[in-house]
Protein backbone atom coordinates (compact mmCIF):
# COMPACT_ATOMS: atom_id res chain seq x y z
CA MET A 1 -32.39 28.37 -154.35
CA VAL A 2 -30.28 28.59 -157.50
CA ALA A 3 -31.61 26.22 -160.13
CA GLY A 4 -33.50 24.35 -157.41
CA LEU A 5 -30.31 23.11 -155.73
CA LEU A 6 -30.18 22.28 -152.05
CA VAL A 7 -26.81 21.77 -150.36
CA GLY A 8 -27.39 20.43 -146.86
CA ALA A 9 -25.21 20.05 -143.80
CA LEU A 10 -22.05 18.22 -144.75
CA ALA A 11 -20.60 15.14 -143.11
CA TRP A 12 -16.92 15.60 -143.83
CA PRO A 13 -14.77 12.56 -144.66
CA GLY A 14 -13.19 10.91 -141.66
CA ALA A 15 -15.48 12.57 -139.14
CA ALA A 16 -16.33 9.38 -137.30
CA ALA A 17 -12.84 7.90 -137.39
CA ALA A 18 -11.11 11.13 -136.39
CA SER A 19 -13.65 12.66 -134.03
CA ASP A 20 -10.99 13.11 -131.34
CA GLY A 21 -8.14 13.96 -133.73
CA VAL A 22 -6.82 17.20 -135.15
CA GLY A 23 -6.22 17.46 -138.89
CA HIS A 24 -4.18 19.88 -140.97
CA ASP A 25 -4.75 21.99 -144.06
CA VAL A 26 -1.89 22.68 -146.45
CA SER A 27 -1.25 24.57 -149.67
CA TYR A 28 1.51 26.42 -151.53
CA PRO A 29 3.19 27.85 -148.35
CA GLN A 30 4.01 24.25 -147.35
CA CYS A 31 5.66 23.37 -150.68
CA GLY A 32 8.79 21.35 -149.97
CA GLN A 33 7.90 20.98 -146.29
CA GLU A 34 7.59 17.59 -144.62
CA LEU A 35 3.91 17.24 -143.78
CA PRO A 36 2.64 15.61 -140.58
CA ALA A 37 2.21 11.88 -141.07
CA ASP A 38 0.11 11.55 -137.91
CA SER A 39 -2.53 14.05 -138.99
CA ALA A 40 -6.08 12.80 -138.43
CA PHE A 41 -7.19 14.16 -141.82
CA GLY A 42 -5.97 16.55 -144.48
CA ILE A 43 -7.45 19.46 -146.43
CA VAL A 44 -5.52 20.58 -149.52
CA GLY A 45 -5.59 24.02 -151.12
CA VAL A 46 -6.23 23.80 -154.87
CA ASN A 47 -5.08 27.33 -155.68
CA GLY A 48 -1.83 29.23 -155.31
CA GLY A 49 -3.29 31.91 -153.05
CA VAL A 50 -5.27 33.59 -155.87
CA ALA A 51 -8.46 32.18 -157.36
CA THR A 52 -7.04 32.01 -160.90
CA THR A 53 -3.80 30.17 -160.00
CA VAL A 54 -2.95 26.59 -159.11
CA ASN A 55 -1.06 25.34 -156.07
CA PRO A 56 2.31 24.18 -157.52
CA CYS A 57 2.49 21.36 -154.94
CA LEU A 58 -1.08 20.20 -155.43
CA ALA A 59 -0.19 16.70 -156.66
CA ASP A 60 2.18 15.93 -153.78
CA GLN A 61 -0.21 17.31 -151.19
CA LEU A 62 -3.15 15.34 -152.59
CA ALA A 63 -1.06 12.18 -152.25
CA TRP A 64 -0.29 13.09 -148.62
CA ALA A 65 -3.93 13.71 -147.73
CA ALA A 66 -5.17 10.58 -149.50
CA ALA A 67 -2.81 8.42 -147.42
CA LEU A 68 -4.04 9.69 -144.04
CA PRO A 69 -6.19 7.26 -142.02
CA GLY A 70 -8.96 9.80 -141.43
CA SER A 71 -9.40 10.62 -145.12
CA PRO A 72 -11.12 7.83 -147.03
CA GLY A 73 -12.09 10.69 -149.32
CA LEU A 74 -10.34 14.01 -149.78
CA GLN A 75 -11.14 17.50 -148.60
CA VAL A 76 -10.00 20.50 -150.60
CA TYR A 77 -10.35 24.25 -150.38
CA VAL A 78 -10.39 26.85 -153.14
CA ASN A 79 -9.63 30.56 -153.10
CA THR A 80 -12.54 32.79 -154.05
CA ALA A 81 -12.75 36.35 -155.38
CA ASN A 82 -14.87 38.85 -157.33
CA PRO A 83 -12.74 41.27 -159.41
CA GLY A 84 -15.74 42.81 -161.17
CA GLN A 85 -15.00 46.35 -159.94
CA LEU A 86 -11.47 46.44 -161.33
CA ASP A 87 -10.85 48.89 -164.17
CA PRO A 88 -10.03 47.40 -166.56
CA ARG A 89 -11.63 44.12 -165.58
CA PRO A 90 -9.31 41.10 -165.86
CA PRO A 91 -9.50 38.80 -168.90
CA THR A 92 -11.03 36.10 -166.68
CA TRP A 93 -14.12 38.27 -166.09
CA PRO A 94 -17.03 37.05 -168.26
CA SER A 95 -18.51 39.13 -171.07
CA SER A 96 -21.52 36.86 -171.62
CA GLY A 97 -23.42 33.96 -170.15
CA GLU A 98 -26.75 33.12 -168.56
CA SER A 99 -27.49 33.09 -164.84
CA PRO A 100 -30.46 33.01 -162.47
CA TYR A 101 -29.96 36.80 -162.32
CA GLY A 102 -30.29 37.31 -166.06
CA ALA A 103 -27.80 37.60 -168.90
CA CYS A 104 -24.21 38.69 -168.27
CA ALA A 105 -23.07 41.63 -170.41
CA GLY A 106 -19.60 42.14 -168.93
CA ASP A 107 -20.65 44.48 -166.13
CA PRO A 108 -19.87 43.88 -162.43
CA GLY A 109 -23.48 43.05 -161.54
CA PRO A 110 -25.00 39.85 -160.20
CA ALA A 111 -25.38 38.04 -163.53
CA CYS A 112 -21.69 38.26 -164.42
CA SER A 113 -20.69 37.67 -160.79
CA TRP A 114 -22.59 34.38 -160.83
CA VAL A 115 -21.06 33.33 -164.17
CA TYR A 116 -17.59 34.22 -162.86
CA GLY A 117 -18.02 32.04 -159.80
CA ARG A 118 -19.36 29.12 -161.76
CA THR A 119 -16.47 29.36 -164.22
CA ARG A 120 -13.90 29.46 -161.43
CA ALA A 121 -15.32 26.26 -159.92
CA ALA A 122 -15.16 24.53 -163.30
CA VAL A 123 -11.53 25.58 -163.75
CA ASP A 124 -10.69 24.43 -160.22
CA ILE A 125 -11.98 20.95 -161.03
CA HIS A 126 -10.96 20.38 -164.62
CA ALA A 127 -7.84 22.49 -165.11
CA PHE A 128 -6.33 22.28 -161.63
CA LEU A 129 -7.53 19.41 -159.43
CA LEU A 130 -8.04 16.50 -161.82
CA PRO A 131 -4.72 16.89 -163.69
CA ALA A 132 -2.84 17.12 -160.37
CA ALA A 133 -4.64 14.06 -159.02
CA ALA A 134 -3.71 12.13 -162.17
CA ARG A 135 -0.05 13.08 -161.71
CA ALA A 136 -0.22 11.96 -158.08
CA GLY A 137 -1.88 8.67 -158.95
CA VAL A 138 -4.80 9.55 -156.67
CA ALA A 139 -8.28 8.56 -157.80
CA VAL A 140 -10.44 11.67 -157.41
CA VAL A 141 -14.14 12.04 -158.09
CA PRO A 142 -15.37 15.60 -157.40
CA ALA A 143 -18.60 14.24 -155.91
CA ASP A 144 -16.61 12.38 -153.24
CA LEU A 145 -14.91 15.53 -151.94
CA VAL A 146 -15.76 18.19 -149.44
CA TRP A 147 -15.08 21.56 -151.10
CA TRP A 148 -14.42 24.52 -148.81
CA LEU A 149 -14.84 28.01 -150.27
CA ASP A 150 -12.06 30.17 -148.78
CA VAL A 151 -13.39 33.72 -148.32
CA GLU A 152 -10.66 36.16 -147.26
CA THR A 153 -9.95 39.87 -147.65
CA MET A 154 -6.49 39.12 -149.09
CA ASN A 155 -8.22 38.33 -152.38
CA THR A 156 -9.92 40.84 -154.70
CA TRP A 157 -13.56 41.66 -153.96
CA GLN A 158 -16.15 44.26 -154.83
CA THR A 159 -16.40 46.78 -152.00
CA GLY A 160 -18.14 49.89 -150.78
CA SER A 161 -21.82 49.03 -150.77
CA ALA A 162 -24.49 46.48 -149.96
CA ALA A 163 -24.78 45.82 -153.71
CA ALA A 164 -21.06 45.00 -153.85
CA ARG A 165 -21.42 42.51 -151.00
CA ALA A 166 -24.43 40.99 -152.72
CA ASN A 167 -22.39 40.55 -155.91
CA ASN A 168 -19.70 38.81 -153.88
CA ARG A 169 -22.32 36.50 -152.39
CA VAL A 170 -23.62 35.71 -155.85
CA THR A 171 -20.12 34.73 -157.00
CA LEU A 172 -20.04 32.14 -154.24
CA GLU A 173 -23.52 30.99 -155.27
CA GLY A 174 -22.20 30.41 -158.78
CA MET A 175 -19.41 28.25 -157.40
CA VAL A 176 -21.85 26.28 -155.25
CA SER A 177 -24.08 25.77 -158.28
CA TYR A 178 -21.32 24.10 -160.29
CA LEU A 179 -19.92 22.06 -157.41
CA ALA A 180 -23.34 20.88 -156.24
CA GLU A 181 -24.19 19.67 -159.74
CA THR A 182 -21.27 17.24 -159.45
CA GLY A 183 -22.72 15.93 -156.19
CA ALA A 184 -19.97 17.50 -154.08
CA ARG A 185 -20.46 18.71 -150.53
CA VAL A 186 -19.61 22.37 -149.99
CA GLY A 187 -18.71 24.42 -146.92
CA LEU A 188 -17.50 27.94 -146.11
CA TYR A 189 -14.14 29.00 -144.62
CA SER A 190 -13.61 32.46 -143.18
CA THR A 191 -13.65 34.53 -140.01
CA ASP A 192 -16.70 36.41 -138.80
CA ARG A 193 -15.02 39.77 -139.52
CA GLN A 194 -13.91 38.90 -143.04
CA TRP A 195 -17.22 37.28 -143.93
CA GLY A 196 -19.09 40.37 -142.73
CA GLU A 197 -16.86 42.67 -144.76
CA ILE A 198 -16.99 40.62 -147.97
CA VAL A 199 -20.44 39.00 -147.97
CA GLY A 200 -22.49 40.01 -144.95
CA TRP A 201 -26.05 38.85 -144.51
CA VAL A 202 -27.13 35.79 -146.51
CA PRO A 203 -30.86 35.44 -147.24
CA SER A 204 -32.56 32.16 -146.47
CA GLY A 205 -33.25 31.58 -150.18
CA SER A 206 -29.54 31.57 -151.04
CA PRO A 207 -27.80 28.22 -151.61
CA LEU A 208 -25.16 29.49 -149.18
CA HIS A 209 -27.62 29.66 -146.31
CA GLU A 210 -27.50 25.97 -145.34
CA LEU A 211 -23.74 25.52 -145.73
CA ASP A 212 -21.57 24.58 -142.77
CA SER A 213 -18.67 26.70 -141.54
CA TRP A 214 -14.97 26.17 -140.94
CA LEU A 215 -13.87 29.08 -138.76
CA ALA A 216 -10.36 30.55 -138.61
CA GLY A 217 -8.49 32.91 -136.32
CA ALA A 218 -7.36 30.89 -133.28
CA LEU A 219 -3.75 30.60 -132.07
CA ASP A 220 -4.06 27.42 -130.00
CA PRO A 221 -6.43 24.50 -129.30
CA VAL A 222 -8.22 26.42 -126.56
CA GLY A 223 -8.99 29.24 -128.97
CA ALA A 224 -10.13 26.74 -131.60
CA ALA A 225 -12.52 25.16 -129.11
CA GLU A 226 -13.95 28.62 -128.47
CA LEU A 227 -14.48 29.09 -132.21
CA CYS A 228 -16.56 25.90 -132.19
CA GLY A 229 -19.03 27.70 -129.92
CA LEU A 230 -19.51 30.70 -132.22
CA PRO A 231 -22.41 31.14 -134.65
CA PRO A 232 -21.88 29.82 -138.20
CA LEU A 233 -21.17 32.16 -141.08
CA THR A 234 -24.69 31.64 -142.43
CA GLY A 235 -27.93 31.20 -140.54
CA GLY A 236 -28.76 27.69 -141.69
CA GLY A 237 -25.41 25.94 -141.17
CA SER A 238 -23.27 24.72 -138.28
CA VAL A 239 -19.64 25.23 -137.27
CA VAL A 240 -17.96 21.88 -137.99
CA LEU A 241 -14.24 22.79 -138.02
CA ALA A 242 -12.07 25.36 -136.23
CA GLN A 243 -8.54 26.28 -137.31
CA PHE A 244 -5.55 27.26 -135.18
CA VAL A 245 -2.05 28.06 -136.43
CA THR A 246 1.42 27.12 -135.20
CA GLU A 247 4.79 27.13 -136.97
CA LEU A 248 6.81 24.22 -138.35
CA ASP A 249 10.37 25.12 -139.42
CA ASP A 250 9.37 28.81 -139.39
CA VAL A 251 6.49 28.11 -141.78
CA PRO A 252 2.90 28.48 -140.49
CA LEU A 253 1.11 25.15 -140.12
CA ASP A 254 -2.67 25.12 -139.90
CA HIS A 255 -4.35 22.69 -137.50
CA ASP A 256 -8.06 21.86 -137.76
CA LEU A 257 -10.18 20.83 -134.79
CA PRO A 258 -13.47 18.99 -135.45
CA CYS A 259 -16.30 20.68 -133.55
């Protein structure tokens, strides 16, 4: 465990009230779009598709999700990445800092990967989420949220070796470390293929091991129900949500089925 933290199976907000209902997740692609008022619960993307950017409609979408009957608290998801292999490395990559893997010296290794992830989680809370919530007039306490870590190949990751995948895993561990210290519940969003390509095997001692999964990739409710029967992304968690996608006014709309 990182710093002795244990993040157990999450009980996502609205689970009991919306056990038979389908929710929706929204982010920057739905900017300006009328969102479903009859959704059982809502999950809002904090970022603008890249881990270092903010969703320009975050305030409006937080207000939408907070008003839904199945969301006494809010659920959010954040984009994740590890650009440590880029040459030159981006200015957001750390040049120093302490981690459970030693001191960061600016290299792409595990120490800097962990610091990068922890920093991204701090920015997501303090620079992105809380200011947007204040503009929306929504009372937000990070500890009251479920935070989903969105792990997709469309973002920048280290590649080409088991060490690269381990560095990617450590970035997510850094994010979990910061979020868990606030008291937040954390889960993982991905597909089996993307998770295997980016992260792969997660050891039982990792703080990711016990996290629950939100699986993507279905095109209809039947496919989503099938996702509910798949193994979780990590060995110690459970599949608690399954996503399927339709279109609303030619814009993809994500639906989320509780498992």
